[in-house]
Amino acid sequence: MNRILLASAFLLVSISAAFADEIPSALPAPAVISPVPAAVSPVPAVISPAPKVPAPKLVEPHLHIARSNVVGHARIALTFDACMGQADERILSTLVRERIPATIFVTARWLKRNPAAVAVFVQNPDLFELENHGENHIPAVDTPMLIYGIASAGSPQAVRQEVEGGAAAMVAAGIPAPRWFRGSTAKYDLSAIGEIRAMGYRIAGYSVNGDGGSLLGAGVTEKRIASAKDGDVVISHVNQPTHAAGEGVAKALVDLKAKGTQFVRLGDVEDTGDDRTTE
């Protein structure tokens, strides 16, 4: 009997050992990992932000001329910017044909590209007064920035170069030395205004934006210029012959003349400019 019990126990132990070899342990012993001290993150240095340089105050000066104070005969100064591109013969031919005087602000770049138009201006000194629009059509602002997408001069030295370079090109083309300056975009910072005035120039603002930088349609341009009142200074462009605005400019000039408008150049009358542009 004892032999039978011993045999059964031996068989049971053998079967358990066999199953233990086939079935993995459900809870394996955890691996022993030696502790590693955590890396100490350096404390970031406290860096003070650079102080912000305030953007300069930009101004777009107004300019008025002495009124005629005669009912039905408003006195208006027509000014035209010749920035780059070609001459707009629609406007130029109207001014010559109708004998309408105007002040033309030219850049050195425009002078080089339009010798025929320059000759017309020079041959009609009773009509046209040529003034300085700069060397490369760069805004006369002495802090770096973009104005209507155009990079400003960015420094007092660059402002001076823009002004002096434009004047030198005019004299080289046989044009009398300019007395007025109008910068690209007609915007300035106050320090640049002081610099330009110290160079001996009057700065030409305006009171009526005739053609919206030559980007307006003919009808809107005509209405804007036709709205000019006694003592106004109108700004338009004479360098975009493919733009519709030029048609509106020419039409408005003829209509104003028919109404008895007195057209003058800036050099012909007294004027008043704000932001110390003419003081």
Protein backbone atom coordinates (compact mmCIF):
# COMPACT_ATOMS: atom_id res chain seq x y z
CA MET A 1 0.00 0.00 0.00
CA ASN A 2 2.79 2.43 0.94
CA ARG A 3 4.52 1.63 -2.34
CA ILE A 4 1.38 2.65 -4.29
CA LEU A 5 1.11 6.00 -2.45
CA LEU A 6 4.77 6.80 -3.04
CA ALA A 7 4.44 6.02 -6.77
CA SER A 8 1.38 8.31 -7.11
CA ALA A 9 3.12 11.20 -5.36
CA PHE A 10 6.16 10.79 -7.59
CA LEU A 11 3.97 10.87 -10.74
CA LEU A 12 2.15 14.05 -9.60
CA VAL A 13 5.40 15.89 -8.96
CA SER A 14 6.74 14.93 -12.41
CA ILE A 15 3.58 16.18 -14.21
CA SER A 16 3.68 19.54 -12.33
CA ALA A 17 7.31 20.06 -13.27
CA ALA A 18 6.56 19.39 -16.94
CA PHE A 19 3.75 21.97 -17.07
CA ALA A 20 5.93 24.49 -15.28
CA ASP A 21 8.48 24.24 -18.13
CA GLU A 22 5.78 24.95 -20.79
CA ILE A 23 3.87 27.86 -19.14
CA PRO A 24 5.80 31.12 -18.55
CA SER A 25 5.40 32.84 -15.26
CA ALA A 26 2.57 35.33 -15.30
CA LEU A 27 4.50 37.74 -13.07
CA PRO A 28 8.16 37.78 -14.01
CA ALA A 29 10.51 39.05 -11.40
CA PRO A 30 11.19 42.76 -11.83
CA ALA A 31 14.59 43.64 -13.21
CA VAL A 32 16.93 45.16 -10.76
CA ILE A 33 17.89 48.69 -11.93
CA SER A 34 20.62 50.55 -10.22
CA PRO A 35 19.44 54.07 -9.34
CA VAL A 36 20.96 56.82 -11.52
CA PRO A 37 20.83 60.35 -10.22
CA ALA A 38 18.64 62.58 -12.43
CA ALA A 39 20.47 65.22 -14.43
CA VAL A 40 20.04 68.65 -12.95
CA SER A 41 18.56 71.03 -15.54
CA PRO A 42 20.39 74.34 -15.62
CA VAL A 43 18.32 77.32 -14.54
CA PRO A 44 17.82 79.53 -17.61
CA ALA A 45 19.36 82.95 -17.34
CA VAL A 46 16.85 85.76 -17.14
CA ILE A 47 17.33 87.93 -20.24
CA SER A 48 15.64 91.30 -20.26
CA PRO A 49 13.94 92.09 -23.56
CA ALA A 50 15.56 94.79 -25.62
CA PRO A 51 13.76 98.08 -25.14
CA LYS A 52 11.41 98.84 -28.03
CA VAL A 53 12.33 101.85 -30.09
CA PRO A 54 9.14 103.80 -30.66
CA ALA A 55 8.25 104.29 -34.31
CA PRO A 56 8.60 107.90 -35.40
CA LYS A 57 5.51 109.97 -35.88
CA LEU A 58 4.81 110.26 -39.60
CA VAL A 59 3.03 113.27 -41.00
CA GLU A 60 1.53 114.03 -44.40
CA PRO A 61 1.68 117.82 -44.46
CA HIS A 62 -1.03 120.03 -45.88
CA LEU A 63 -0.26 123.04 -48.02
CA HIS A 64 -2.51 125.93 -49.03
CA ILE A 65 -1.86 128.99 -51.15
CA ALA A 66 -3.19 132.51 -50.79
CA ARG A 67 -6.78 132.69 -51.96
CA SER A 68 -7.97 134.96 -54.72
CA ASN A 69 -11.15 135.78 -52.78
CA VAL A 70 -12.82 136.49 -56.10
CA VAL A 71 -16.17 134.77 -56.55
CA GLY A 72 -16.12 132.49 -59.57
CA HIS A 73 -12.34 132.67 -59.93
CA ALA A 74 -10.89 130.27 -57.41
CA ARG A 75 -7.10 130.17 -57.27
CA ILE A 76 -5.65 126.64 -57.40
CA ALA A 77 -2.09 125.32 -57.55
CA LEU A 78 -1.72 122.20 -59.64
CA THR A 79 1.20 119.96 -58.67
CA PHE A 80 2.21 116.76 -60.43
CA ASP A 81 4.62 114.07 -59.32
CA ALA A 82 6.81 112.45 -61.97
CA CYS A 83 8.06 109.47 -59.97
CA MET A 84 9.17 106.79 -62.41
CA GLY A 85 7.77 105.39 -65.64
CA GLN A 86 6.85 107.40 -68.71
CA ALA A 87 5.27 110.80 -69.31
CA ASP A 88 1.48 110.88 -69.51
CA GLU A 89 0.90 112.74 -72.77
CA ARG A 90 -2.83 113.06 -72.04
CA ILE A 91 -2.04 115.41 -69.17
CA LEU A 92 1.05 117.06 -70.61
CA SER A 93 -0.61 117.92 -73.91
CA THR A 94 -3.66 119.33 -72.11
CA LEU A 95 -1.50 121.60 -69.96
CA VAL A 96 0.36 122.91 -73.01
CA ARG A 97 -2.70 123.25 -75.25
CA GLU A 98 -4.82 124.99 -72.61
CA ARG A 99 -1.85 127.05 -71.33
CA ILE A 100 -2.40 125.87 -67.76
CA PRO A 101 0.57 126.44 -65.43
CA ALA A 102 1.65 123.74 -63.00
CA THR A 103 4.47 122.69 -60.69
CA ILE A 104 6.08 119.37 -61.65
CA PHE A 105 8.07 117.35 -59.10
CA VAL A 106 10.59 115.15 -60.91
CA THR A 107 12.91 112.38 -59.76
CA ALA A 108 16.36 111.79 -61.20
CA ARG A 109 15.14 108.43 -62.48
CA TRP A 110 12.22 109.98 -64.37
CA LEU A 111 14.42 112.67 -65.91
CA LYS A 112 16.70 110.04 -67.44
CA ARG A 113 13.82 108.12 -69.01
CA ASN A 114 11.84 111.07 -70.42
CA PRO A 115 14.10 113.55 -72.21
CA ALA A 116 11.35 114.55 -74.68
CA ALA A 117 8.95 115.52 -71.90
CA VAL A 118 11.72 117.36 -70.06
CA ALA A 119 12.35 119.35 -73.24
CA VAL A 120 8.69 120.37 -73.35
CA PHE A 121 8.88 121.57 -69.75
CA VAL A 122 12.06 123.55 -70.36
CA GLN A 123 10.66 125.10 -73.55
CA ASN A 124 7.62 126.42 -71.66
CA PRO A 125 9.06 128.26 -68.66
CA ASP A 126 5.94 130.40 -68.38
CA LEU A 127 3.89 127.27 -67.70
CA PHE A 128 6.07 124.82 -65.83
CA GLU A 129 7.99 125.11 -62.61
CA LEU A 130 10.16 122.01 -62.08
CA GLU A 131 10.93 120.98 -58.52
CA ASN A 132 12.68 118.16 -56.64
CA HIS A 133 11.03 114.76 -56.05
CA GLY A 134 14.27 113.05 -55.02
CA GLU A 135 16.95 110.93 -56.58
CA ASN A 136 15.43 107.45 -56.36
CA HIS A 137 11.87 108.02 -55.11
CA ILE A 138 12.68 107.05 -51.52
CA PRO A 139 10.49 108.27 -48.63
CA ALA A 140 12.22 111.04 -46.69
CA VAL A 141 12.05 109.33 -43.31
CA ASP A 142 15.27 108.95 -41.34
CA THR A 143 14.24 105.78 -39.48
CA PRO A 144 14.12 102.39 -41.29
CA MET A 145 10.55 101.37 -42.10
CA LEU A 146 8.22 100.53 -44.97
CA ILE A 147 5.72 103.08 -46.23
CA TYR A 148 3.20 101.69 -48.71
CA GLY A 149 5.72 98.91 -49.24
CA ILE A 150 8.58 101.30 -50.08
CA ALA A 151 11.67 101.26 -47.86
CA SER A 152 12.38 104.63 -46.28
CA ALA A 153 15.72 106.41 -46.50
CA GLY A 154 16.43 105.14 -43.00
CA SER A 155 19.03 107.67 -41.80
CA PRO A 156 19.69 111.42 -41.88
CA GLN A 157 22.55 110.82 -44.32
CA ALA A 158 20.28 108.87 -46.68
CA VAL A 159 17.62 111.57 -46.53
CA ARG A 160 20.23 114.15 -47.48
CA GLN A 161 21.44 111.97 -50.38
CA GLU A 162 17.89 111.56 -51.68
CA VAL A 163 17.36 115.32 -51.68
CA GLU A 164 20.77 116.37 -52.97
CA GLY A 165 20.88 113.60 -55.59
CA GLY A 166 17.56 114.75 -57.03
CA ALA A 167 18.69 118.38 -57.17
CA ALA A 168 21.99 117.48 -58.82
CA ALA A 169 20.20 115.53 -61.56
CA MET A 170 17.94 118.49 -62.27
CA VAL A 171 20.82 120.93 -62.62
CA ALA A 172 22.67 118.45 -64.85
CA ALA A 173 19.61 118.34 -67.12
CA GLY A 174 19.67 122.12 -67.55
CA ILE A 175 16.88 122.82 -65.05
CA PRO A 176 17.23 125.68 -62.55
CA ALA A 177 18.17 124.64 -59.01
CA PRO A 178 14.99 123.59 -57.18
CA ARG A 179 13.53 125.42 -54.19
CA TRP A 180 10.81 122.94 -53.25
CA PHE A 181 11.05 119.28 -52.28
CA ARG A 182 8.37 116.61 -52.10
CA GLY A 183 9.41 113.16 -50.96
CA SER A 184 8.10 109.82 -52.16
CA THR A 185 4.71 108.98 -50.57
CA ALA A 186 4.51 112.61 -49.30
CA LYS A 187 5.09 111.30 -45.76
CA TYR A 188 7.89 112.42 -43.44
CA ASP A 189 9.00 112.16 -39.86
CA LEU A 190 9.44 115.44 -38.02
CA SER A 191 13.21 115.15 -37.75
CA ALA A 192 13.53 114.67 -41.52
CA ILE A 193 11.40 117.75 -42.08
CA GLY A 194 13.85 119.73 -39.96
CA GLU A 195 16.79 118.32 -41.92
CA ILE A 196 15.27 119.18 -45.30
CA ARG A 197 14.30 122.67 -44.19
CA ALA A 198 17.87 123.19 -42.93
CA MET A 199 19.03 122.40 -46.47
CA GLY A 200 17.06 125.40 -47.69
CA TYR A 201 14.01 123.66 -49.17
CA ARG A 202 10.34 124.31 -48.69
CA ILE A 203 8.43 121.04 -48.42
CA ALA A 204 5.39 120.67 -50.65
CA GLY A 205 2.35 119.20 -49.00
CA TYR A 206 -1.08 119.38 -50.60
CA SER A 207 -4.75 119.81 -49.71
CA VAL A 208 -6.52 117.78 -52.43
CA ASN A 209 -5.41 114.27 -53.44
CA GLY A 210 -6.52 114.28 -57.04
CA ASP A 211 -5.81 110.78 -58.30
CA GLY A 212 -5.01 108.63 -55.25
CA GLY A 213 -1.49 107.92 -56.40
CA SER A 214 -2.78 107.51 -59.99
CA LEU A 215 -4.75 104.44 -58.85
CA LEU A 216 -8.26 105.89 -59.01
CA GLY A 217 -10.62 105.61 -61.94
CA ALA A 218 -11.15 108.44 -64.40
CA GLY A 219 -14.53 109.48 -63.03
CA VAL A 220 -13.47 109.58 -59.38
CA THR A 221 -10.30 111.48 -60.27
CA GLU A 222 -12.25 114.05 -62.26
CA LYS A 223 -14.64 114.65 -59.34
CA ARG A 224 -11.85 114.99 -56.80
CA ILE A 225 -9.96 117.60 -58.80
CA ALA A 226 -13.17 119.42 -59.69
CA SER A 227 -13.89 119.73 -55.95
CA ALA A 228 -10.81 121.93 -55.40
CA LYS A 229 -11.62 125.25 -53.76
CA ASP A 230 -9.99 128.66 -53.59
CA GLY A 231 -6.53 128.24 -52.06
CA ASP A 232 -6.20 124.49 -52.60
CA VAL A 233 -3.06 122.65 -53.73
CA VAL A 234 -3.86 119.59 -55.85
CA ILE A 235 -1.52 116.62 -56.12
CA SER A 236 -1.74 114.21 -59.07
CA HIS A 237 0.69 112.17 -61.18
CA VAL A 238 2.02 112.66 -64.68
CA ASN A 239 3.97 109.41 -64.99
CA GLN A 240 1.34 106.70 -65.49
CA PRO A 241 0.10 106.92 -69.10
CA THR A 242 -1.63 103.52 -68.91
CA HIS A 243 -3.73 104.34 -65.84
CA ALA A 244 -7.30 105.55 -66.18
CA ALA A 245 -6.68 108.35 -63.69
CA GLY A 246 -4.83 110.40 -66.31
CA GLU A 247 -7.98 110.69 -68.40
CA GLY A 248 -9.85 112.09 -65.41
CA VAL A 249 -7.07 114.58 -64.69
CA ALA A 250 -7.14 115.97 -68.22
CA LYS A 251 -10.94 116.27 -68.23
CA ALA A 252 -11.00 118.04 -64.85
CA LEU A 253 -8.43 120.60 -65.96
CA VAL A 254 -10.48 121.60 -68.97
CA ASP A 255 -13.65 121.85 -66.87
CA LEU A 256 -11.99 123.96 -64.18
CA LYS A 257 -10.58 126.34 -66.75
CA ALA A 258 -14.04 126.74 -68.28
CA LYS A 259 -15.33 127.76 -64.84
CA GLY A 260 -12.83 130.59 -64.61
CA THR A 261 -10.34 128.93 -62.27
CA GLN A 262 -7.03 130.75 -61.83
CA PHE A 263 -4.16 128.25 -62.01
CA VAL A 264 -0.84 129.17 -60.41
CA ARG A 265 2.51 127.59 -59.67
CA LEU A 266 3.81 127.28 -56.13
CA GLY A 267 6.47 129.89 -56.74
CA ASP A 268 3.92 132.46 -57.89
CA VAL A 269 1.99 132.97 -54.64
CA GLU A 270 2.30 132.97 -50.89
CA ASP A 271 1.66 129.69 -49.14
CA THR A 272 1.07 128.12 -45.75
CA GLY A 273 2.23 124.62 -44.85
CA ASP A 274 1.69 122.79 -41.59
CA ASP A 275 4.27 120.77 -39.58
CA ARG A 276 6.79 123.58 -40.18
CA THR A 277 7.24 122.58 -43.79
CA THR A 278 7.34 126.15 -45.09
CA GLU A 279 8.22 128.27 -42.05
